[in-house]
Amino acid sequence: MKYMVAELMFKAVRAWYENGKICIMLSDHKEIRFPVTLNKKLRNAPVEKLTNIELICEGTGLRWPDLDEDLSVTGIIEGRYGKI
């Protein structure tokens, strides 16, 4: 699989749900968060489904298998949170 340089710069090592926000720990130990209200599929999802987050594509993406939602870490950093 081919990656853009920016995609390889931002890798998640952990992701979790906390108090209405998705939290991501990056490989450089920076932490980013965004409110679930910014994403249509996450907005109304029950906590059990929000907490089931998988790191995909070597940490360059997040997946919620119960919600069929995928987001790239680079996209999140750029302010793209999926459909609202």
N, C-alpha and C. Protein backbone atom coordinates (compact mmCIF):
# COMPACT_ATOMS: atom_id res chain seq x y z
N MET A 1 0.84 -1.18 0.00
CA MET A 1 0.00 0.00 0.00
C MET A 1 0.88 1.24 0.00
N LYS A 2 0.52 2.25 -0.76
CA LYS A 2 1.27 3.49 -0.82
C LYS A 2 0.67 4.50 0.13
N TYR A 3 1.53 5.26 0.76
CA TYR A 3 1.10 6.29 1.70
C TYR A 3 1.66 7.63 1.27
N MET A 4 0.96 8.68 1.62
CA MET A 4 1.50 10.03 1.47
C MET A 4 2.42 10.28 2.66
N VAL A 5 3.41 11.15 2.49
CA VAL A 5 4.35 11.44 3.57
C VAL A 5 3.62 11.90 4.83
N ALA A 6 2.62 12.78 4.69
CA ALA A 6 1.87 13.28 5.85
C ALA A 6 1.19 12.15 6.60
N GLU A 7 0.71 11.14 5.87
CA GLU A 7 0.04 10.01 6.53
C GLU A 7 1.00 9.23 7.40
N LEU A 8 2.24 9.12 7.00
CA LEU A 8 3.22 8.37 7.77
C LEU A 8 3.73 9.17 8.96
N MET A 9 3.61 10.49 8.91
CA MET A 9 4.07 11.34 10.01
C MET A 9 3.16 11.21 11.22
N PHE A 10 1.88 11.00 11.01
CA PHE A 10 0.91 10.97 12.09
C PHE A 10 0.38 9.55 12.28
N LYS A 11 0.88 8.89 13.31
CA LYS A 11 0.44 7.53 13.61
C LYS A 11 -0.11 7.47 15.03
N ALA A 12 -1.24 6.82 15.16
CA ALA A 12 -1.85 6.63 16.47
C ALA A 12 -1.26 5.39 17.12
N VAL A 13 -1.03 5.47 18.43
CA VAL A 13 -0.61 4.29 19.18
C VAL A 13 -1.71 3.83 20.12
N ARG A 14 -2.70 4.71 20.32
CA ARG A 14 -3.84 4.38 21.19
C ARG A 14 -4.99 5.31 20.85
N ALA A 15 -6.21 4.81 20.95
CA ALA A 15 -7.41 5.63 20.75
C ALA A 15 -8.48 5.16 21.72
N TRP A 16 -9.22 6.11 22.28
CA TRP A 16 -10.25 5.77 23.25
C TRP A 16 -11.34 6.84 23.26
N TYR A 17 -12.48 6.49 23.84
CA TYR A 17 -13.60 7.41 23.99
C TYR A 17 -13.62 7.88 25.44
N GLU A 18 -13.83 9.21 25.62
CA GLU A 18 -13.87 9.77 26.96
C GLU A 18 -14.72 11.03 26.99
N ASN A 19 -15.78 11.03 27.79
CA ASN A 19 -16.61 12.22 28.01
C ASN A 19 -17.05 12.93 26.72
N GLY A 20 -17.58 12.16 25.77
CA GLY A 20 -18.10 12.76 24.55
C GLY A 20 -17.05 13.08 23.50
N LYS A 21 -15.82 12.63 23.73
CA LYS A 21 -14.74 12.92 22.78
C LYS A 21 -13.98 11.66 22.41
N ILE A 22 -13.47 11.66 21.18
CA ILE A 22 -12.55 10.62 20.76
C ILE A 22 -11.15 11.17 21.03
N CYS A 23 -10.36 10.38 21.73
CA CYS A 23 -9.01 10.78 22.13
C CYS A 23 -8.00 9.88 21.42
N ILE A 24 -6.94 10.50 20.93
CA ILE A 24 -5.93 9.76 20.18
C ILE A 24 -4.55 10.14 20.70
N MET A 25 -3.76 9.14 21.06
CA MET A 25 -2.37 9.34 21.44
C MET A 25 -1.52 9.03 20.22
N LEU A 26 -0.73 10.01 19.78
CA LEU A 26 0.12 9.82 18.62
C LEU A 26 1.47 9.22 19.02
N SER A 27 2.19 8.73 18.04
CA SER A 27 3.47 8.09 18.31
C SER A 27 4.50 9.06 18.88
N ASP A 28 4.32 10.36 18.66
CA ASP A 28 5.25 11.35 19.22
C ASP A 28 4.77 11.85 20.60
N HIS A 29 3.80 11.14 21.18
CA HIS A 29 3.24 11.41 22.52
C HIS A 29 2.34 12.64 22.58
N LYS A 30 1.97 13.20 21.45
CA LYS A 30 0.97 14.26 21.44
C LYS A 30 -0.39 13.61 21.50
N GLU A 31 -1.33 14.32 22.09
CA GLU A 31 -2.69 13.81 22.21
C GLU A 31 -3.64 14.77 21.51
N ILE A 32 -4.54 14.22 20.72
CA ILE A 32 -5.56 15.04 20.08
C ILE A 32 -6.94 14.48 20.45
N ARG A 33 -7.92 15.37 20.44
CA ARG A 33 -9.29 14.99 20.79
C ARG A 33 -10.26 15.73 19.89
N PHE A 34 -11.40 15.09 19.64
CA PHE A 34 -12.47 15.79 18.94
C PHE A 34 -13.81 15.27 19.45
N PRO A 35 -14.81 16.15 19.49
CA PRO A 35 -16.13 15.73 19.98
C PRO A 35 -16.83 14.83 18.97
N VAL A 36 -17.51 13.80 19.48
CA VAL A 36 -18.21 12.87 18.60
C VAL A 36 -19.33 13.55 17.83
N THR A 37 -19.79 14.70 18.29
CA THR A 37 -20.86 15.42 17.60
C THR A 37 -20.44 15.90 16.21
N LEU A 38 -19.14 15.88 15.92
CA LEU A 38 -18.66 16.31 14.60
C LEU A 38 -18.74 15.22 13.54
N ASN A 39 -19.20 14.03 13.93
CA ASN A 39 -19.30 12.92 12.98
C ASN A 39 -20.70 12.31 13.06
N LYS A 40 -21.36 12.19 11.91
CA LYS A 40 -22.74 11.72 11.86
C LYS A 40 -22.93 10.33 12.47
N LYS A 41 -22.03 9.40 12.19
CA LYS A 41 -22.18 8.03 12.69
C LYS A 41 -21.83 7.92 14.17
N LEU A 42 -20.92 8.74 14.63
CA LEU A 42 -20.51 8.68 16.04
C LEU A 42 -21.46 9.43 16.94
N ARG A 43 -22.08 10.48 16.42
CA ARG A 43 -22.90 11.41 17.21
C ARG A 43 -23.93 10.72 18.09
N ASN A 44 -24.71 9.81 17.54
CA ASN A 44 -25.81 9.19 18.29
C ASN A 44 -25.52 7.75 18.70
N ALA A 45 -24.28 7.33 18.56
CA ALA A 45 -23.94 5.94 18.88
C ALA A 45 -23.87 5.72 20.38
N PRO A 46 -24.26 4.53 20.84
CA PRO A 46 -24.14 4.23 22.27
C PRO A 46 -22.66 4.11 22.68
N VAL A 47 -22.40 4.35 23.93
CA VAL A 47 -21.03 4.33 24.45
C VAL A 47 -20.32 3.02 24.14
N GLU A 48 -21.03 1.89 24.24
CA GLU A 48 -20.40 0.60 23.97
C GLU A 48 -19.80 0.53 22.57
N LYS A 49 -20.47 1.15 21.61
CA LYS A 49 -19.97 1.14 20.23
C LYS A 49 -18.88 2.19 20.03
N LEU A 50 -18.95 3.29 20.74
CA LEU A 50 -17.93 4.33 20.64
C LEU A 50 -16.60 3.87 21.23
N THR A 51 -16.66 3.03 22.23
CA THR A 51 -15.43 2.57 22.88
C THR A 51 -14.72 1.46 22.11
N ASN A 52 -15.40 0.87 21.14
CA ASN A 52 -14.79 -0.19 20.33
C ASN A 52 -14.08 0.44 19.14
N ILE A 53 -12.85 0.90 19.37
CA ILE A 53 -12.06 1.57 18.34
C ILE A 53 -10.85 0.70 18.02
N GLU A 54 -10.62 0.49 16.73
CA GLU A 54 -9.44 -0.26 16.28
C GLU A 54 -8.49 0.68 15.56
N LEU A 55 -7.19 0.48 15.77
CA LEU A 55 -6.19 1.18 14.97
C LEU A 55 -5.98 0.35 13.72
N ILE A 56 -6.01 1.01 12.56
CA ILE A 56 -5.85 0.30 11.29
C ILE A 56 -4.73 0.95 10.48
N CYS A 57 -4.31 0.26 9.45
CA CYS A 57 -3.30 0.77 8.51
C CYS A 57 -2.05 1.27 9.25
N GLU A 58 -1.54 0.41 10.11
CA GLU A 58 -0.32 0.71 10.86
C GLU A 58 -0.44 1.97 11.71
N GLY A 59 -1.63 2.24 12.21
CA GLY A 59 -1.84 3.39 13.09
C GLY A 59 -2.18 4.68 12.38
N THR A 60 -2.34 4.63 11.06
CA THR A 60 -2.68 5.85 10.32
C THR A 60 -4.19 6.06 10.22
N GLY A 61 -4.96 5.10 10.74
CA GLY A 61 -6.41 5.22 10.68
C GLY A 61 -7.07 4.64 11.92
N LEU A 62 -8.33 5.05 12.13
CA LEU A 62 -9.16 4.53 13.20
C LEU A 62 -10.39 3.89 12.59
N ARG A 63 -10.85 2.81 13.21
CA ARG A 63 -12.04 2.11 12.72
C ARG A 63 -12.95 1.79 13.89
N TRP A 64 -14.23 2.05 13.66
CA TRP A 64 -15.30 1.64 14.58
C TRP A 64 -16.06 0.53 13.88
N PRO A 65 -15.70 -0.74 14.11
CA PRO A 65 -16.33 -1.84 13.36
C PRO A 65 -17.83 -1.96 13.60
N ASP A 66 -18.28 -1.63 14.79
CA ASP A 66 -19.71 -1.73 15.09
C ASP A 66 -20.53 -0.66 14.37
N LEU A 67 -19.86 0.41 13.92
CA LEU A 67 -20.55 1.53 13.28
C LEU A 67 -20.20 1.66 11.80
N ASP A 68 -19.32 0.78 11.30
CA ASP A 68 -18.85 0.84 9.92
C ASP A 68 -18.32 2.24 9.58
N GLU A 69 -17.44 2.75 10.43
CA GLU A 69 -16.87 4.07 10.24
C GLU A 69 -15.34 4.00 10.33
N ASP A 70 -14.67 4.64 9.38
CA ASP A 70 -13.22 4.72 9.35
C ASP A 70 -12.83 6.18 9.18
N LEU A 71 -11.80 6.61 9.91
CA LEU A 71 -11.26 7.97 9.76
C LEU A 71 -9.73 7.88 9.74
N SER A 72 -9.11 8.72 8.93
CA SER A 72 -7.65 8.76 8.93
C SER A 72 -7.17 9.73 10.00
N VAL A 73 -6.03 9.42 10.59
CA VAL A 73 -5.46 10.31 11.60
C VAL A 73 -5.10 11.65 10.95
N THR A 74 -4.54 11.62 9.76
CA THR A 74 -4.22 12.87 9.06
C THR A 74 -5.48 13.69 8.83
N GLY A 75 -6.57 13.06 8.42
CA GLY A 75 -7.83 13.77 8.21
C GLY A 75 -8.34 14.41 9.48
N ILE A 76 -8.24 13.70 10.59
CA ILE A 76 -8.67 14.26 11.87
C ILE A 76 -7.84 15.48 12.22
N ILE A 77 -6.52 15.38 12.05
CA ILE A 77 -5.64 16.52 12.33
C ILE A 77 -5.99 17.70 11.43
N GLU A 78 -6.40 17.43 10.21
CA GLU A 78 -6.76 18.49 9.27
C GLU A 78 -8.18 19.01 9.48
N GLY A 79 -8.91 18.42 10.43
CA GLY A 79 -10.26 18.88 10.72
C GLY A 79 -11.34 18.20 9.92
N ARG A 80 -11.02 17.06 9.31
CA ARG A 80 -12.01 16.28 8.56
C ARG A 80 -12.45 15.11 9.44
N TYR A 81 -13.67 15.20 9.96
CA TYR A 81 -14.17 14.22 10.91
C TYR A 81 -15.24 13.31 10.33
N GLY A 82 -15.36 13.27 9.04
CA GLY A 82 -16.41 12.48 8.40
C GLY A 82 -17.64 13.35 8.20
N LYS A 83 -18.71 12.73 7.79
CA LYS A 83 -19.95 13.47 7.52
C LYS A 83 -20.59 13.95 8.81
N ILE A 84 -21.09 15.18 8.77
CA ILE A 84 -21.76 15.72 9.96
C ILE A 84 -23.24 15.82 9.75
